[in-house]
Amino acid sequence: MCLGVPGRVIEVKGWIATVDFFGVQRQVSLQVVDEPVAPGDYVLNHVGFAIRRIPEDEIGETLALYEQLIELAERDDLMAEDVRGELAATKSGGGAE
């Protein structure tokens, strides 16, 4: 299973956005996102690509779900491990640069 990681768009320059993921800022490609994004929007990132703009009415619920998943899941929980892996890739330099 593959999951994306939600983040808040800080800046947009052409097809590249600087996005904040739980306190870590990375650059991601906007080439496959489903609609235009602007600073302040939230996107779902997967392997360096924004794949979806998260509607404003879903942001709070989405962020709460990810934070709960990361905090409460056991180490052998496959979904939580996927989210942790996405966050680790984001922190280690994954994404468009």
PDB file of N, CA and C in Angstrom:
ATOM      1  N   MET A   1       0.843  -1.162   0.000  1.00  0.00           N
ATOM      2  CA  MET A   1       0.000   0.000   0.000  1.00  0.00           C
ATOM      3  C   MET A   1       0.889   1.227   0.000  1.00  0.00           C
ATOM      4  N   CYS A   2       0.483   2.230  -0.723  1.00  0.00           N
ATOM      5  CA  CYS A   2       1.216   3.495  -0.757  1.00  0.00           C
ATOM      6  C   CYS A   2       0.315   4.601  -0.253  1.00  0.00           C
ATOM      7  N   LEU A   3       0.864   5.427   0.598  1.00  0.00           N
ATOM      8  CA  LEU A   3       0.131   6.568   1.124  1.00  0.00           C
ATOM      9  C   LEU A   3       0.868   7.848   0.802  1.00  0.00           C
ATOM     10  N   GLY A   4       0.129   8.925   0.804  1.00  0.00           N
ATOM     11  CA  GLY A   4       0.739  10.237   0.676  1.00  0.00           C
ATOM     12  C   GLY A   4       0.821  10.875   2.045  1.00  0.00           C
ATOM     13  N   VAL A   5       1.586  11.942   2.124  1.00  0.00           N
ATOM     14  CA  VAL A   5       1.737  12.681   3.368  1.00  0.00           C
ATOM     15  C   VAL A   5       1.196  14.092   3.139  1.00  0.00           C
ATOM     16  N   PRO A   6       0.287  14.556   4.008  1.00  0.00           N
ATOM     17  CA  PRO A   6      -0.255  15.903   3.836  1.00  0.00           C
ATOM     18  C   PRO A   6       0.738  16.966   4.268  1.00  0.00           C
ATOM     19  N   GLY A   7       0.722  18.090   3.561  1.00  0.00           N
ATOM     20  CA  GLY A   7       1.581  19.212   3.917  1.00  0.00           C
ATOM     21  C   GLY A   7       0.983  20.525   3.454  1.00  0.00           C
ATOM     22  N   ARG A   8       1.432  21.618   4.080  1.00  0.00           N
ATOM     23  CA  ARG A   8       0.933  22.957   3.755  1.00  0.00           C
ATOM     24  C   ARG A   8       1.889  23.648   2.791  1.00  0.00           C
ATOM     25  N   VAL A   9       1.351  24.165   1.709  1.00  0.00           N
ATOM     26  CA  VAL A   9       2.151  24.847   0.695  1.00  0.00           C
ATOM     27  C   VAL A   9       2.622  26.189   1.251  1.00  0.00           C
ATOM     28  N   ILE A  10       3.926  26.404   1.199  1.00  0.00           N
ATOM     29  CA  ILE A  10       4.540  27.648   1.665  1.00  0.00           C
ATOM     30  C   ILE A  10       4.746  28.615   0.497  1.00  0.00           C
ATOM     31  N   GLU A  11       5.216  28.060  -0.631  1.00  0.00           N
ATOM     32  CA  GLU A  11       5.569  28.895  -1.779  1.00  0.00           C
ATOM     33  C   GLU A  11       5.414  28.071  -3.053  1.00  0.00           C
ATOM     34  N   VAL A  12       5.034  28.741  -4.124  1.00  0.00           N
ATOM     35  CA  VAL A  12       4.918  28.083  -5.421  1.00  0.00           C
ATOM     36  C   VAL A  12       5.757  28.856  -6.429  1.00  0.00           C
ATOM     37  N   LYS A  13       6.632  28.139  -7.140  1.00  0.00           N
ATOM     38  CA  LYS A  13       7.440  28.719  -8.218  1.00  0.00           C
ATOM     39  C   LYS A  13       7.329  27.783  -9.412  1.00  0.00           C
ATOM     40  N   GLY A  14       6.476  28.145 -10.369  1.00  0.00           N
ATOM     41  CA  GLY A  14       6.275  27.296 -11.533  1.00  0.00           C
ATOM     42  C   GLY A  14       5.658  25.976 -11.117  1.00  0.00           C
ATOM     43  N   TRP A  15       6.338  24.881 -11.464  1.00  0.00           N
ATOM     44  CA  TRP A  15       5.845  23.533 -11.153  1.00  0.00           C
ATOM     45  C   TRP A  15       6.400  22.976  -9.848  1.00  0.00           C
ATOM     46  N   ILE A  16       7.086  23.814  -9.065  1.00  0.00           N
ATOM     47  CA  ILE A  16       7.678  23.364  -7.803  1.00  0.00           C
ATOM     48  C   ILE A  16       7.072  24.155  -6.644  1.00  0.00           C
ATOM     49  N   ALA A  17       6.706  23.436  -5.592  1.00  0.00           N
ATOM     50  CA  ALA A  17       6.185  24.080  -4.389  1.00  0.00           C
ATOM     51  C   ALA A  17       7.055  23.719  -3.203  1.00  0.00           C
ATOM     52  N   THR A  18       7.269  24.669  -2.319  1.00  0.00           N
ATOM     53  CA  THR A  18       7.876  24.388  -1.030  1.00  0.00           C
ATOM     54  C   THR A  18       6.721  24.067  -0.091  1.00  0.00           C
ATOM     55  N   VAL A  19       6.792  22.897   0.540  1.00  0.00           N
ATOM     56  CA  VAL A  19       5.691  22.399   1.359  1.00  0.00           C
ATOM     57  C   VAL A  19       6.209  22.041   2.747  1.00  0.00           C
ATOM     58  N   ASP A  20       5.447  22.398   3.768  1.00  0.00           N
ATOM     59  CA  ASP A  20       5.787  22.067   5.143  1.00  0.00           C
ATOM     60  C   ASP A  20       5.068  20.785   5.539  1.00  0.00           C
ATOM     61  N   PHE A  21       5.855  19.760   5.895  1.00  0.00           N
ATOM     62  CA  PHE A  21       5.336  18.476   6.344  1.00  0.00           C
ATOM     63  C   PHE A  21       5.648  18.308   7.820  1.00  0.00           C
ATOM     64  N   PHE A  22       4.704  18.608   8.667  1.00  0.00           N
ATOM     65  CA  PHE A  22       4.870  18.418  10.106  1.00  0.00           C
ATOM     66  C   PHE A  22       6.180  19.053  10.600  1.00  0.00           C
ATOM     67  N   GLY A  23       6.474  20.261  10.117  1.00  0.00           N
ATOM     68  CA  GLY A  23       7.657  20.988  10.557  1.00  0.00           C
ATOM     69  C   GLY A  23       8.875  20.830   9.680  1.00  0.00           C
ATOM     70  N   VAL A  24       8.818  19.999   8.665  1.00  0.00           N
ATOM     71  CA  VAL A  24       9.934  19.795   7.745  1.00  0.00           C
ATOM     72  C   VAL A  24       9.530  20.357   6.381  1.00  0.00           C
ATOM     73  N   GLN A  25      10.338  21.264   5.838  1.00  0.00           N
ATOM     74  CA  GLN A  25      10.024  21.844   4.539  1.00  0.00           C
ATOM     75  C   GLN A  25      10.801  21.155   3.436  1.00  0.00           C
ATOM     76  N   ARG A  26      10.077  20.757   2.384  1.00  0.00           N
ATOM     77  CA  ARG A  26      10.681  20.109   1.219  1.00  0.00           C
ATOM     78  C   ARG A  26      10.044  20.682  -0.035  1.00  0.00           C
ATOM     79  N   GLN A  27      10.713  20.493  -1.147  1.00  0.00           N
ATOM     80  CA  GLN A  27      10.165  20.896  -2.434  1.00  0.00           C
ATOM     81  C   GLN A  27       9.505  19.690  -3.083  1.00  0.00           C
ATOM     82  N   VAL A  28       8.335  19.915  -3.675  1.00  0.00           N
ATOM     83  CA  VAL A  28       7.622  18.852  -4.371  1.00  0.00           C
ATOM     84  C   VAL A  28       7.173  19.357  -5.732  1.00  0.00           C
ATOM     85  N   SER A  29       7.019  18.429  -6.645  1.00  0.00           N
ATOM     86  CA  SER A  29       6.564  18.746  -7.996  1.00  0.00           C
ATOM     87  C   SER A  29       5.042  18.893  -8.008  1.00  0.00           C
ATOM     88  N   LEU A  30       4.568  19.850  -8.792  1.00  0.00           N
ATOM     89  CA  LEU A  30       3.130  20.067  -8.951  1.00  0.00           C
ATOM     90  C   LEU A  30       2.625  19.544 -10.293  1.00  0.00           C
ATOM     91  N   GLN A  31       3.419  18.781 -10.990  1.00  0.00           N
ATOM     92  CA  GLN A  31       3.073  18.356 -12.353  1.00  0.00           C
ATOM     93  C   GLN A  31       1.902  17.391 -12.430  1.00  0.00           C
ATOM     94  N   VAL A  32       1.568  16.693 -11.356  1.00  0.00           N
ATOM     95  CA  VAL A  32       0.453  15.744 -11.435  1.00  0.00           C
ATOM     96  C   VAL A  32      -0.700  16.076 -10.494  1.00  0.00           C
ATOM     97  N   VAL A  33      -0.623  17.180  -9.778  1.00  0.00           N
ATOM     98  CA  VAL A  33      -1.684  17.538  -8.834  1.00  0.00           C
ATOM     99  C   VAL A  33      -2.994  17.773  -9.597  1.00  0.00           C
ATOM    100  N   ASP A  34      -4.109  17.477  -8.940  1.00  0.00           N
ATOM    101  CA  ASP A  34      -5.405  17.491  -9.604  1.00  0.00           C
ATOM    102  C   ASP A  34      -5.990  18.874  -9.877  1.00  0.00           C
ATOM    103  N   GLU A  35      -5.461  19.927  -9.249  1.00  0.00           N
ATOM    104  CA  GLU A  35      -5.938  21.284  -9.490  1.00  0.00           C
ATOM    105  C   GLU A  35      -4.875  22.279  -9.016  1.00  0.00           C
ATOM    106  N   PRO A  36      -4.985  23.542  -9.429  1.00  0.00           N
ATOM    107  CA  PRO A  36      -3.975  24.528  -9.020  1.00  0.00           C
ATOM    108  C   PRO A  36      -3.892  24.667  -7.499  1.00  0.00           C
ATOM    109  N   VAL A  37      -2.676  24.948  -7.015  1.00  0.00           N
ATOM    110  CA  VAL A  37      -2.468  25.170  -5.587  1.00  0.00           C
ATOM    111  C   VAL A  37      -1.788  26.514  -5.385  1.00  0.00           C
ATOM    112  N   ALA A  38      -1.977  27.060  -4.184  1.00  0.00           N
ATOM    113  CA  ALA A  38      -1.404  28.358  -3.828  1.00  0.00           C
ATOM    114  C   ALA A  38      -0.892  28.265  -2.397  1.00  0.00           C
ATOM    115  N   PRO A  39      -0.025  29.206  -1.999  1.00  0.00           N
ATOM    116  CA  PRO A  39       0.429  29.210  -0.611  1.00  0.00           C
ATOM    117  C   PRO A  39      -0.764  29.176   0.343  1.00  0.00           C
ATOM    118  N   GLY A  40      -0.645  28.343   1.373  1.00  0.00           N
ATOM    119  CA  GLY A  40      -1.712  28.171   2.341  1.00  0.00           C
ATOM    120  C   GLY A  40      -2.566  26.941   2.083  1.00  0.00           C
ATOM    121  N   ASP A  41      -2.565  26.447   0.842  1.00  0.00           N
ATOM    122  CA  ASP A  41      -3.294  25.218   0.525  1.00  0.00           C
ATOM    123  C   ASP A  41      -2.561  24.024   1.118  1.00  0.00           C
ATOM    124  N   TYR A  42      -3.282  22.933   1.280  1.00  0.00           N
ATOM    125  CA  TYR A  42      -2.697  21.670   1.698  1.00  0.00           C
ATOM    126  C   TYR A  42      -2.732  20.699   0.525  1.00  0.00           C
ATOM    127  N   VAL A  43      -1.659  19.930   0.388  1.00  0.00           N
ATOM    128  CA  VAL A  43      -1.583  18.930  -0.674  1.00  0.00           C
ATOM    129  C   VAL A  43      -1.209  17.586  -0.066  1.00  0.00           C
ATOM    130  N   LEU A  44      -1.518  16.548  -0.819  1.00  0.00           N
ATOM    131  CA  LEU A  44      -1.110  15.199  -0.455  1.00  0.00           C
ATOM    132  C   LEU A  44       0.100  14.864  -1.313  1.00  0.00           C
ATOM    133  N   ASN A  45       1.239  14.587  -0.676  1.00  0.00           N
ATOM    134  CA  ASN A  45       2.497  14.314  -1.360  1.00  0.00           C
ATOM    135  C   ASN A  45       2.762  12.817  -1.387  1.00  0.00           C
ATOM    136  N   HIS A  46       3.197  12.351  -2.544  1.00  0.00           N
ATOM    137  CA  HIS A  46       3.652  10.955  -2.651  1.00  0.00           C
ATOM    138  C   HIS A  46       4.916  10.942  -3.492  1.00  0.00           C
ATOM    139  N   VAL A  47       5.987  10.448  -2.915  1.00  0.00           N
ATOM    140  CA  VAL A  47       7.314  10.340  -3.529  1.00  0.00           C
ATOM    141  C   VAL A  47       7.719  11.599  -4.300  1.00  0.00           C
ATOM    142  N   GLY A  48       7.514  12.751  -3.678  1.00  0.00           N
ATOM    143  CA  GLY A  48       7.989  14.006  -4.266  1.00  0.00           C
ATOM    144  C   GLY A  48       7.026  14.689  -5.210  1.00  0.00           C
ATOM    145  N   PHE A  49       5.819  14.162  -5.336  1.00  0.00           N
ATOM    146  CA  PHE A  49       4.811  14.758  -6.206  1.00  0.00           C
ATOM    147  C   PHE A  49       3.552  15.068  -5.402  1.00  0.00           C
ATOM    148  N   ALA A  50       3.053  16.288  -5.545  1.00  0.00           N
ATOM    149  CA  ALA A  50       1.750  16.619  -4.985  1.00  0.00           C
ATOM    150  C   ALA A  50       0.721  15.939  -5.879  1.00  0.00           C
ATOM    151  N   ILE A  51      -0.049  15.029  -5.311  1.00  0.00           N
ATOM    152  CA  ILE A  51      -0.990  14.263  -6.135  1.00  0.00           C
ATOM    153  C   ILE A  51      -2.428  14.735  -5.975  1.00  0.00           C
ATOM    154  N   ARG A  52      -2.681  15.535  -4.949  1.00  0.00           N
ATOM    155  CA  ARG A  52      -4.039  16.001  -4.712  1.00  0.00           C
ATOM    156  C   ARG A  52      -4.010  17.220  -3.826  1.00  0.00           C
ATOM    157  N   ARG A  53      -4.820  18.234  -4.161  1.00  0.00           N
ATOM    158  CA  ARG A  53      -5.034  19.351  -3.239  1.00  0.00           C
ATOM    159  C   ARG A  53      -6.119  18.904  -2.269  1.00  0.00           C
ATOM    160  N   ILE A  54      -5.846  19.045  -0.972  1.00  0.00           N
ATOM    161  CA  ILE A  54      -6.813  18.628   0.040  1.00  0.00           C
ATOM    162  C   ILE A  54      -7.829  19.753   0.219  1.00  0.00           C
ATOM    163  N   PRO A  55      -9.110  19.462   0.026  1.00  0.00           N
ATOM    164  CA  PRO A  55     -10.130  20.495   0.215  1.00  0.00           C
ATOM    165  C   PRO A  55     -10.080  21.066   1.626  1.00  0.00           C
ATOM    166  N   GLU A  56     -10.347  22.355   1.739  1.00  0.00           N
ATOM    167  CA  GLU A  56     -10.238  23.043   3.018  1.00  0.00           C
ATOM    168  C   GLU A  56     -11.068  22.384   4.111  1.00  0.00           C
ATOM    169  N   ASP A  57     -12.236  21.873   3.759  1.00  0.00           N
ATOM    170  CA  ASP A  57     -13.095  21.268   4.779  1.00  0.00           C
ATOM    171  C   ASP A  57     -12.612  19.887   5.231  1.00  0.00           C
ATOM    172  N   GLU A  58     -11.558  19.349   4.611  1.00  0.00           N
ATOM    173  CA  GLU A  58     -11.009  18.048   4.988  1.00  0.00           C
ATOM    174  C   GLU A  58      -9.654  18.147   5.695  1.00  0.00           C
ATOM    175  N   ILE A  59      -9.074  19.337   5.752  1.00  0.00           N
ATOM    176  CA  ILE A  59      -7.714  19.497   6.270  1.00  0.00           C
ATOM    177  C   ILE A  59      -7.590  19.060   7.728  1.00  0.00           C
ATOM    178  N   GLY A  60      -8.440  19.576   8.594  1.00  0.00           N
ATOM    179  CA  GLY A  60      -8.349  19.247  10.018  1.00  0.00           C
ATOM    180  C   GLY A  60      -8.467  17.763  10.277  1.00  0.00           C
ATOM    181  N   GLU A  61      -9.440  17.139   9.638  1.00  0.00           N
ATOM    182  CA  GLU A  61      -9.653  15.706   9.809  1.00  0.00           C
ATOM    183  C   GLU A  61      -8.469  14.900   9.270  1.00  0.00           C
ATOM    184  N   THR A  62      -7.943  15.308   8.123  1.00  0.00           N
ATOM    185  CA  THR A  62      -6.818  14.600   7.511  1.00  0.00           C
ATOM    186  C   THR A  62      -5.578  14.681   8.394  1.00  0.00           C
ATOM    187  N   LEU A  63      -5.236  15.879   8.858  1.00  0.00           N
ATOM    188  CA  LEU A  63      -4.054  16.044   9.707  1.00  0.00           C
ATOM    189  C   LEU A  63      -4.203  15.283  11.018  1.00  0.00           C
ATOM    190  N   ALA A  64      -5.384  15.327  11.612  1.00  0.00           N
ATOM    191  CA  ALA A  64      -5.612  14.612  12.871  1.00  0.00           C
ATOM    192  C   ALA A  64      -5.451  13.105  12.680  1.00  0.00           C
ATOM    193  N   LEU A  65      -5.929  12.594  11.568  1.00  0.00           N
ATOM    194  CA  LEU A  65      -5.810  11.168  11.284  1.00  0.00           C
ATOM    195  C   LEU A  65      -4.345  10.747  11.182  1.00  0.00           C
ATOM    196  N   TYR A  66      -3.544  11.509  10.451  1.00  0.00           N
ATOM    197  CA  TYR A  66      -2.131  11.166  10.289  1.00  0.00           C
ATOM    198  C   TYR A  66      -1.382  11.274  11.608  1.00  0.00           C
ATOM    199  N   GLU A  67      -1.652  12.319  12.371  1.00  0.00           N
ATOM    200  CA  GLU A  67      -0.964  12.478  13.654  1.00  0.00           C
ATOM    201  C   GLU A  67      -1.330  11.341  14.607  1.00  0.00           C
ATOM    202  N   GLN A  68      -2.597  10.955  14.624  1.00  0.00           N
ATOM    203  CA  GLN A  68      -3.023   9.846  15.478  1.00  0.00           C
ATOM    204  C   GLN A  68      -2.377   8.540  15.022  1.00  0.00           C
ATOM    205  N   LEU A  69      -2.341   8.331  13.737  1.00  0.00           N
ATOM    206  CA  LEU A  69      -1.739   7.118  13.198  1.00  0.00           C
ATOM    207  C   LEU A  69      -0.279   7.005  13.608  1.00  0.00           C
ATOM    208  N   ILE A  70       0.450   8.078  13.489  1.00  0.00           N
ATOM    209  CA  ILE A  70       1.877   8.076  13.822  1.00  0.00           C
ATOM    210  C   ILE A  70       2.092   7.866  15.320  1.00  0.00           C
ATOM    211  N   GLU A  71       1.278   8.521  16.149  1.00  0.00           N
ATOM    212  CA  GLU A  71       1.460   8.458  17.596  1.00  0.00           C
ATOM    213  C   GLU A  71       1.044   7.126  18.208  1.00  0.00           C
ATOM    214  N   LEU A  72      -0.058   6.560  17.734  1.00  0.00           N
ATOM    215  CA  LEU A  72      -0.657   5.427  18.424  1.00  0.00           C
ATOM    216  C   LEU A  72      -0.361   4.060  17.822  1.00  0.00           C
ATOM    217  N   ALA A  73       0.059   4.034  16.599  1.00  0.00           N
ATOM    218  CA  ALA A  73       0.231   2.746  15.923  1.00  0.00           C
ATOM    219  C   ALA A  73       1.424   1.971  16.479  1.00  0.00           C
ATOM    220  N   GLU A  74       1.253   0.682  16.498  1.00  0.00           N
ATOM    221  CA  GLU A  74       2.340  -0.204  16.882  1.00  0.00           C
ATOM    222  C   GLU A  74       3.399  -0.201  15.778  1.00  0.00           C
ATOM    223  N   ARG A  75       4.589  -0.575  16.113  1.00  0.00           N
ATOM    224  CA  ARG A  75       5.682  -0.592  15.140  1.00  0.00           C
ATOM    225  C   ARG A  75       5.444  -1.576  14.009  1.00  0.00           C
ATOM    226  N   ASP A  76       4.662  -2.616  14.240  1.00  0.00           N
ATOM    227  CA  ASP A  76       4.427  -3.596  13.183  1.00  0.00           C
ATOM    228  C   ASP A  76       3.169  -3.295  12.359  1.00  0.00           C
ATOM    229  N   ASP A  77       2.552  -2.137  12.585  1.00  0.00           N
ATOM    230  CA  ASP A  77       1.376  -1.721  11.822  1.00  0.00           C
ATOM    231  C   ASP A  77       1.844  -1.251  10.442  1.00  0.00           C
ATOM    232  N   LEU A  78       1.426  -1.956   9.397  1.00  0.00           N
ATOM    233  CA  LEU A  78       1.922  -1.683   8.047  1.00  0.00           C
ATOM    234  C   LEU A  78       1.530  -0.297   7.539  1.00  0.00           C
ATOM    235  N   MET A  79       0.315   0.138   7.831  1.00  0.00           N
ATOM    236  CA  MET A  79      -0.104   1.467   7.374  1.00  0.00           C
ATOM    237  C   MET A  79       0.712   2.553   8.059  1.00  0.00           C
ATOM    238  N   ALA A  80       0.914   2.416   9.358  1.00  0.00           N
ATOM    239  CA  ALA A  80       1.716   3.397  10.089  1.00  0.00           C
ATOM    240  C   ALA A  80       3.155   3.393   9.589  1.00  0.00           C
ATOM    241  N   GLU A  81       3.689   2.224   9.308  1.00  0.00           N
ATOM    242  CA  GLU A  81       5.048   2.152   8.782  1.00  0.00           C
ATOM    243  C   GLU A  81       5.162   2.844   7.430  1.00  0.00           C
ATOM    244  N   ASP A  82       4.128   2.734   6.611  1.00  0.00           N
ATOM    245  CA  ASP A  82       4.132   3.414   5.316  1.00  0.00           C
ATOM    246  C   ASP A  82       4.160   4.924   5.511  1.00  0.00           C
ATOM    247  N   VAL A  83       3.358   5.436   6.447  1.00  0.00           N
ATOM    248  CA  VAL A  83       3.357   6.874   6.728  1.00  0.00           C
ATOM    249  C   VAL A  83       4.713   7.294   7.272  1.00  0.00           C
ATOM    250  N   ARG A  84       5.258   6.513   8.207  1.00  0.00           N
ATOM    251  CA  ARG A  84       6.591   6.836   8.745  1.00  0.00           C
ATOM    252  C   ARG A  84       7.641   6.824   7.634  1.00  0.00           C
ATOM    253  N   GLY A  85       7.533   5.874   6.706  1.00  0.00           N
ATOM    254  CA  GLY A  85       8.470   5.809   5.581  1.00  0.00           C
ATOM    255  C   GLY A  85       8.354   7.021   4.685  1.00  0.00           C
ATOM    256  N   GLU A  86       7.132   7.455   4.414  1.00  0.00           N
ATOM    257  CA  GLU A  86       6.929   8.663   3.603  1.00  0.00           C
ATOM    258  C   GLU A  86       7.527   9.872   4.305  1.00  0.00           C
ATOM    259  N   LEU A  87       7.285   9.997   5.612  1.00  0.00           N
ATOM    260  CA  LEU A  87       7.851  11.123   6.363  1.00  0.00           C
ATOM    261  C   LEU A  87       9.368  11.063   6.366  1.00  0.00           C
ATOM    262  N   ALA A  88       9.926   9.871   6.544  1.00  0.00           N
ATOM    263  CA  ALA A  88      11.384   9.728   6.545  1.00  0.00           C
ATOM    264  C   ALA A  88      11.961  10.099   5.192  1.00  0.00           C
ATOM    265  N   ALA A  89      11.308   9.684   4.103  1.00  0.00           N
ATOM    266  CA  ALA A  89      11.785  10.038   2.764  1.00  0.00           C
ATOM    267  C   ALA A  89      11.718  11.538   2.554  1.00  0.00           C
ATOM    268  N   THR A  90      10.677  12.150   3.043  1.00  0.00           N
ATOM    269  CA  THR A  90      10.531  13.601   2.939  1.00  0.00           C
ATOM    270  C   THR A  90      11.647  14.289   3.716  1.00  0.00           C
ATOM    271  N   LYS A  91      11.944  13.801   4.908  1.00  0.00           N
ATOM    272  CA  LYS A  91      12.979  14.398   5.743  1.00  0.00           C
ATOM    273  C   LYS A  91      14.382  14.164   5.191  1.00  0.00           C
ATOM    274  N   SER A  92      14.596  13.041   4.495  1.00  0.00           N
ATOM    275  CA  SER A  92      15.940  12.700   4.039  1.00  0.00           C
ATOM    276  C   SER A  92      16.265  13.242   2.671  1.00  0.00           C
ATOM    277  N   GLY A  93      15.331  13.935   2.056  1.00  0.00           N
ATOM    278  CA  GLY A  93      15.673  14.536   0.770  1.00  0.00           C
ATOM    279  C   GLY A  93      14.854  14.058  -0.381  1.00  0.00           C
ATOM    280  N   GLY A  94      13.867  13.191  -0.166  1.00  0.00           N
ATOM    281  CA  GLY A  94      12.993  12.791  -1.242  1.00  0.00           C
ATOM    282  C   GLY A  94      12.227  13.995  -1.754  1.00  0.00           C
ATOM    283  N   GLY A  95      11.785  13.941  -2.976  1.00  0.00           N
ATOM    284  CA  GLY A  95      11.018  15.065  -3.511  1.00  0.00           C
ATOM    285  C   GLY A  95      11.776  15.765  -4.602  1.00  0.00           C
ATOM    286  N   ALA A  96      11.105  16.665  -5.263  1.00  0.00           N
ATOM    287  CA  ALA A  96      11.696  17.398  -6.392  1.00  0.00           C
ATOM    288  C   ALA A  96      12.564  18.515  -5.869  1.00  0.00           C
ATOM    289  N   GLU A  97      13.753  18.619  -6.398  1.00  0.00           N
ATOM    290  CA  GLU A  97      14.637  19.721  -6.005  1.00  0.00           C
ATOM    291  C   GLU A  97      15.366  20.238  -7.209  1.00  0.00           C
TER     292      GLU A  97
END
